[in-house]
């Protein structure tokens, strides 16, 4: 039976490319801001492009932070993409403005230190062993990035009762978090829906966890 995936529509992001890419995995995909539909789906995708502050504002307008929190407290899968990953952290700092994020992970989204920004185009990543998202993909596989901000330090350590999250890194001027696998909560800084065959494998891997 195919899995039911909701892409959360909160006014941020090119949702159609994500919808098409996920549909190719065989999932039934709905783009909606409906609270109940987002809560009931087998998997929820939180996309995002643009500024951290604007994304948080849009997310709150559809109670998106509550949907994410409630799904995770019940062990229901969530996948964040690009700024949809960034807003899962505690805070974002852009142009001197600090915005509170969803706080699912400690950490700060800040400007990358690189000669050229935005970081736009194809780049490799360093995935840890045991990764589910990157299963079946070679170490030299490239993914499509477009961002000027990222998480440069991973702050969450293993504690009592939970496993260490699997963190994938990439580099553009400085190392930054490219993906996280943390139980039901997973996220990528790059755009799997724009990453060709590699992105298709990653999305299929994620849908396979639902």
Foldseek 3Di string as FASTA:
>chain_A
DAFEEEEAPLPFDDVVLVQVLLVVLVHHYHYYLDLVSLLPGQEYEYEHDDDLQVSQVSCVVSPNLVSVVVCVVVLRAYEYEASRVVLCEQWEADPNDIDGGSHVFYFYKYFADAPDPPPFAKFFKAWDPPDLLQPPHDRRQIFTAHGGIATQDHDDDDDPPADGWTFMWTDHNGIGTAWIGGRRYIYGNTDLSPRPPSSSSSSSSNSVVD
